[in-house]
N, C-alpha and C. Protein backbone atom coordinates (compact mmCIF):
# COMPACT_ATOMS: atom_id res chain seq x y z
N LEU A 1 0.75 -1.14 -0.18
CA LEU A 1 0.06 -0.01 -0.19
C LEU A 1 0.88 1.32 0.01
N ARG A 2 2.12 1.01 0.33
CA ARG A 2 2.79 2.13 0.44
C ARG A 2 3.40 2.65 -1.11
N GLN A 3 3.27 1.87 -2.07
CA GLN A 3 3.59 1.92 -3.28
C GLN A 3 2.71 2.70 -3.99
N VAL A 4 1.23 2.92 -3.76
CA VAL A 4 0.26 3.55 -4.49
C VAL A 4 0.65 5.07 -4.54
N ARG A 5 0.69 5.54 -5.94
CA ARG A 5 1.12 6.66 -6.18
C ARG A 5 -0.17 7.48 -6.40
N PRO A 6 -0.40 8.77 -6.08
CA PRO A 6 -1.64 9.65 -5.92
C PRO A 6 -1.79 10.22 -7.39
N ASP A 7 -0.97 10.29 -8.29
CA ASP A 7 -1.00 10.62 -9.48
C ASP A 7 -1.20 9.45 -10.68
N SER A 8 -1.14 8.36 -10.37
CA SER A 8 -1.13 7.25 -11.08
C SER A 8 -2.76 6.98 -11.68
N GLU A 9 -2.79 6.53 -13.12
CA GLU A 9 -3.98 6.43 -13.68
C GLU A 9 -4.27 4.84 -13.66
N HIS A 10 -3.39 4.09 -13.12
CA HIS A 10 -3.55 2.66 -13.31
C HIS A 10 -4.61 2.20 -12.35
N PRO A 11 -5.42 1.21 -13.06
CA PRO A 11 -6.66 0.60 -12.32
C PRO A 11 -6.35 0.20 -10.90
N ASP A 12 -5.22 -0.59 -10.80
CA ASP A 12 -4.88 -1.01 -9.54
C ASP A 12 -4.70 -0.03 -8.42
N ASP A 13 -4.13 0.99 -9.02
CA ASP A 13 -3.75 2.20 -7.99
C ASP A 13 -5.11 2.92 -7.70
N HIS A 14 -5.93 2.96 -8.63
CA HIS A 14 -7.07 3.89 -8.56
C HIS A 14 -7.94 2.76 -7.28
N ARG A 15 -8.13 1.62 -7.40
CA ARG A 15 -8.72 0.78 -6.55
C ARG A 15 -8.23 0.87 -5.15
N LEU A 16 -6.79 0.85 -5.04
CA LEU A 16 -6.19 0.93 -3.58
C LEU A 16 -6.52 2.16 -3.01
N ARG A 17 -6.20 3.43 -3.94
CA ARG A 17 -6.61 4.83 -3.20
C ARG A 17 -7.88 4.77 -2.76
N ARG A 18 -8.96 4.13 -3.34
CA ARG A 18 -10.47 4.19 -3.10
C ARG A 18 -10.50 3.50 -1.89
N TRP A 19 -10.09 2.34 -1.61
CA TRP A 19 -9.83 1.56 -0.50
C TRP A 19 -9.43 2.28 0.56
N LEU A 20 -8.35 3.08 0.48
CA LEU A 20 -7.56 3.83 1.43
C LEU A 20 -8.52 4.73 2.14
N SER A 21 -9.14 5.47 1.22
CA SER A 21 -9.93 6.70 1.62
C SER A 21 -10.99 6.24 2.23
N ARG A 22 -11.70 5.08 1.84
CA ARG A 22 -12.88 4.60 2.42
C ARG A 22 -12.70 3.87 3.85
N HIS A 23 -11.58 2.98 3.96
CA HIS A 23 -11.50 2.07 4.92
C HIS A 23 -10.24 2.05 5.65
N GLY A 24 -9.22 3.01 5.29
CA GLY A 24 -7.92 3.44 6.14
C GLY A 24 -7.01 2.34 5.80
N GLN A 25 -5.87 2.56 6.21
CA GLN A 25 -4.61 1.50 5.69
C GLN A 25 -4.74 -0.04 6.13
N LYS A 26 -5.47 -0.21 7.35
CA LYS A 26 -5.50 -1.59 7.73
C LYS A 26 -6.88 -2.25 6.88
N GLY A 27 -7.89 -1.51 6.71
CA GLY A 27 -9.00 -2.04 5.90
C GLY A 27 -8.61 -2.13 4.62
N ALA A 28 -7.91 -1.43 3.70
CA ALA A 28 -7.25 -1.55 2.47
C ALA A 28 -6.33 -2.72 2.57
N ALA A 29 -5.62 -2.99 3.47
CA ALA A 29 -4.61 -4.15 3.31
C ALA A 29 -5.41 -5.44 3.50
N VAL A 30 -6.56 -5.38 4.22
CA VAL A 30 -7.23 -6.59 4.42
C VAL A 30 -8.00 -7.19 3.26
N ARG A 31 -8.50 -5.89 2.54
CA ARG A 31 -9.36 -6.06 1.33
C ARG A 31 -8.25 -6.39 0.14
N LEU A 32 -7.31 -5.88 -0.01
CA LEU A 32 -6.08 -6.41 -0.86
C LEU A 32 -5.84 -7.84 -0.76
N ALA A 33 -5.61 -8.18 0.55
CA ALA A 33 -5.22 -9.59 0.71
C ALA A 33 -6.46 -10.61 0.28
N ASN A 34 -7.64 -10.19 0.69
CA ASN A 34 -8.88 -10.90 0.36
C ASN A 34 -9.10 -11.10 -1.12
N ARG A 35 -8.71 -10.04 -1.98
CA ARG A 35 -8.78 -10.10 -3.39
C ARG A 35 -7.79 -10.91 -3.85
N ASN A 36 -6.45 -10.90 -3.32
CA ASN A 36 -5.41 -11.83 -3.77
C ASN A 36 -5.88 -13.25 -3.26
N LEU A 37 -6.38 -13.50 -2.34
CA LEU A 37 -6.68 -14.70 -1.96
C LEU A 37 -7.66 -15.43 -2.98
N ARG A 38 -8.79 -14.55 -3.12
CA ARG A 38 -9.89 -15.04 -4.07
C ARG A 38 -9.26 -15.38 -5.43
N ILE A 39 -8.23 -14.64 -6.14
CA ILE A 39 -7.71 -14.98 -7.30
C ILE A 39 -6.90 -16.22 -7.21
N VAL A 40 -6.07 -16.31 -6.27
CA VAL A 40 -5.41 -17.64 -6.08
C VAL A 40 -6.28 -19.01 -5.83
N TRP A 41 -7.32 -18.73 -5.16
CA TRP A 41 -8.27 -19.87 -4.83
C TRP A 41 -8.73 -20.18 -6.39
N VAL A 42 -9.26 -19.27 -7.27
CA VAL A 42 -9.72 -19.86 -8.48
C VAL A 42 -8.64 -20.11 -9.16
N LEU A 43 -7.44 -19.64 -9.40
CA LEU A 43 -6.49 -20.60 -9.99
C LEU A 43 -6.19 -21.75 -9.56
N LEU A 44 -5.90 -22.19 -8.15
CA LEU A 44 -5.73 -23.49 -7.88
C LEU A 44 -6.89 -24.27 -8.17
N GLN A 45 -8.26 -23.94 -7.96
CA GLN A 45 -9.34 -24.74 -8.21
C GLN A 45 -9.32 -25.18 -9.71
N ASN A 46 -8.87 -24.36 -10.68
CA ASN A 46 -9.12 -24.62 -12.08
C ASN A 46 -7.70 -25.09 -12.68
N ASP A 47 -6.70 -25.19 -11.95
CA ASP A 47 -5.46 -25.38 -12.44
C ASP A 47 -5.11 -24.65 -13.73
N GLN A 48 -5.28 -23.26 -13.37
CA GLN A 48 -4.86 -22.29 -14.25
C GLN A 48 -3.56 -21.64 -13.65
N THR A 49 -3.10 -20.72 -14.71
CA THR A 49 -1.81 -19.81 -14.32
C THR A 49 -2.10 -18.27 -14.43
N TYR A 50 -1.75 -17.45 -13.56
CA TYR A 50 -2.04 -16.13 -13.74
C TYR A 50 -1.10 -15.26 -14.84
N ARG A 51 -1.96 -14.62 -15.65
CA ARG A 51 -1.21 -13.72 -16.55
C ARG A 51 -1.69 -12.31 -16.28
N ARG A 52 -1.04 -11.36 -16.01
CA ARG A 52 -1.29 -9.99 -16.03
C ARG A 52 -1.36 -9.34 -17.18
N GLN A 53 -2.37 -8.47 -17.31
CA GLN A 53 -2.70 -7.83 -18.44
C GLN A 53 -1.94 -6.45 -18.54
N PRO A 54 -1.60 -5.86 -19.83
CA PRO A 54 -0.85 -4.72 -19.79
C PRO A 54 -1.67 -3.62 -19.06
N ALA A 55 -0.98 -2.44 -18.70
CA ALA A 55 -1.80 -1.48 -17.92
C ALA A 55 -2.95 -0.82 -18.31
N GLY A 56 -3.08 -0.83 -19.71
CA GLY A 56 -4.30 -0.39 -20.29
C GLY A 56 -5.48 -1.31 -20.22
N CYS A 57 -5.22 -2.58 -19.88
CA CYS A 57 -6.39 -3.43 -19.52
C CYS A 57 -6.96 -3.40 -18.28
N GLN A 58 -8.30 -3.75 -18.20
CA GLN A 58 -9.08 -3.61 -16.81
C GLN A 58 -8.55 -5.03 -16.10
N GLU A 59 -8.86 -6.14 -16.43
CA GLU A 59 -8.54 -7.28 -15.62
C GLU A 59 -7.48 -8.30 -16.19
N ALA A 60 -7.07 -9.08 -15.34
CA ALA A 60 -6.12 -9.99 -15.70
C ALA A 60 -6.77 -11.12 -16.15
N THR A 61 -6.11 -12.11 -16.75
CA THR A 61 -6.80 -13.30 -17.47
C THR A 61 -6.41 -14.42 -16.78
N MET A 62 -7.06 -15.39 -16.69
CA MET A 62 -6.69 -16.81 -16.12
C MET A 62 -6.61 -17.79 -17.29
N SER A 63 -5.66 -18.45 -17.59
CA SER A 63 -5.48 -19.46 -18.46
C SER A 63 -4.99 -20.84 -18.21
N HIS A 64 -5.43 -21.87 -19.06
CA HIS A 64 -5.00 -23.22 -18.67
C HIS A 64 -3.62 -23.55 -18.86
């Protein structure tokens, strides 16, 4: 959460800034951990690999 830049237009930074403003540092950290856990859970359940999209794309993809 320390790496979030206030002037960044990256979707991940925007999401983290929103969480920080609404829930504070600890709440944002819990939300980030929960989001990462949900992604990992889906990957493990479906035997997939995580591939991050370039900065211009909204979501990451999961492939076999």
